[in-house]
Protein backbone atom coordinates (compact mmCIF):
# COMPACT_ATOMS: atom_id res chain seq x y z
CA MET A 1 1.35 244.51 283.43
CA SER A 2 1.52 244.48 287.19
CA LEU A 3 4.11 246.73 288.85
CA ARG A 4 6.17 245.80 291.89
CA TRP A 5 8.70 247.75 293.92
CA ILE A 6 11.56 246.29 291.86
CA ASP A 7 10.15 247.91 288.69
CA SER A 8 11.73 251.31 289.38
CA HIS A 9 11.94 252.39 285.76
CA ASP A 10 8.36 251.44 284.90
CA ILE A 11 7.09 253.08 288.08
CA ALA A 12 8.99 256.25 287.18
CA ILE A 13 7.35 256.33 283.75
CA GLU A 14 3.91 255.95 285.32
CA LEU A 15 4.64 258.72 287.82
CA LEU A 16 5.90 261.04 285.10
CA ASP A 17 2.67 260.46 283.15
CA LYS A 18 0.53 261.05 286.24
CA PHE A 19 2.54 264.02 287.63
CA PRO A 20 4.16 265.74 284.63
CA ASP A 21 4.74 269.03 286.47
CA ILE A 22 6.33 267.54 289.61
CA ASP A 23 10.06 267.83 290.20
CA PRO A 24 11.05 264.39 291.54
CA THR A 25 13.99 265.88 293.46
CA LYS A 26 11.54 267.78 295.63
CA VAL A 27 9.21 264.86 296.44
CA ARG A 28 9.19 263.56 300.00
CA PHE A 29 9.58 259.80 300.27
CA THR A 30 6.34 259.55 302.23
CA ASP A 31 4.47 261.18 299.33
CA LEU A 32 6.29 259.07 296.76
CA HIS A 33 5.44 255.90 298.64
CA HIS A 34 1.77 256.90 298.72
CA TRP A 35 1.73 257.83 295.01
CA VAL A 36 3.27 254.51 293.98
CA LEU A 37 0.68 252.59 295.99
CA GLU A 38 -2.05 254.53 294.16
CA LEU A 39 -0.83 253.63 290.67
CA ARG A 40 -3.52 251.55 289.00
CA ASN A 41 -1.03 248.87 287.86
CA PHE A 42 0.79 248.61 291.17
CA SER A 43 0.23 245.40 293.11
CA ASP A 44 2.96 244.82 295.67
CA ASP A 45 3.03 244.84 299.44
CA SER A 46 3.27 248.38 300.80
CA ASN A 47 5.70 247.17 303.46
CA HIS A 48 8.25 245.99 300.89
CA SER A 49 9.54 249.44 300.04
CA ASN A 50 12.50 251.15 301.65
CA GLU A 51 14.64 254.25 301.17
CA LYS A 52 16.89 252.55 298.62
CA ILE A 53 13.93 251.54 296.45
CA LEU A 54 12.38 255.00 296.63
CA GLU A 55 15.73 256.59 295.72
CA ALA A 56 15.95 254.31 292.69
CA ILE A 57 12.48 255.40 291.58
CA VAL A 58 13.44 259.08 291.92
CA LEU A 59 16.64 258.52 289.91
CA CYS A 60 14.72 256.78 287.14
CA TRP A 61 12.11 259.53 287.17
CA MET A 62 14.86 262.14 286.79
CA GLU A 63 16.35 260.19 283.87
CA GLU A 64 12.98 260.05 282.13
CA ILE A 65 12.64 263.82 282.40
CA ASP A 66 16.05 264.34 280.78
């Protein structure tokens, strides 16, 4: 399955698996952007992200932790 920026929930799951000890509320958007681009299943244009998309990923990540 190929991930794109619109796949906030799936991206959050991948990030939780890769960074289980990270608190998503403390992640800078620049770091988050870089981490998403490094996910092995991610294949979208790096320029297609924005603050709203990154916020959605953080919210999904927080939900997965709870």
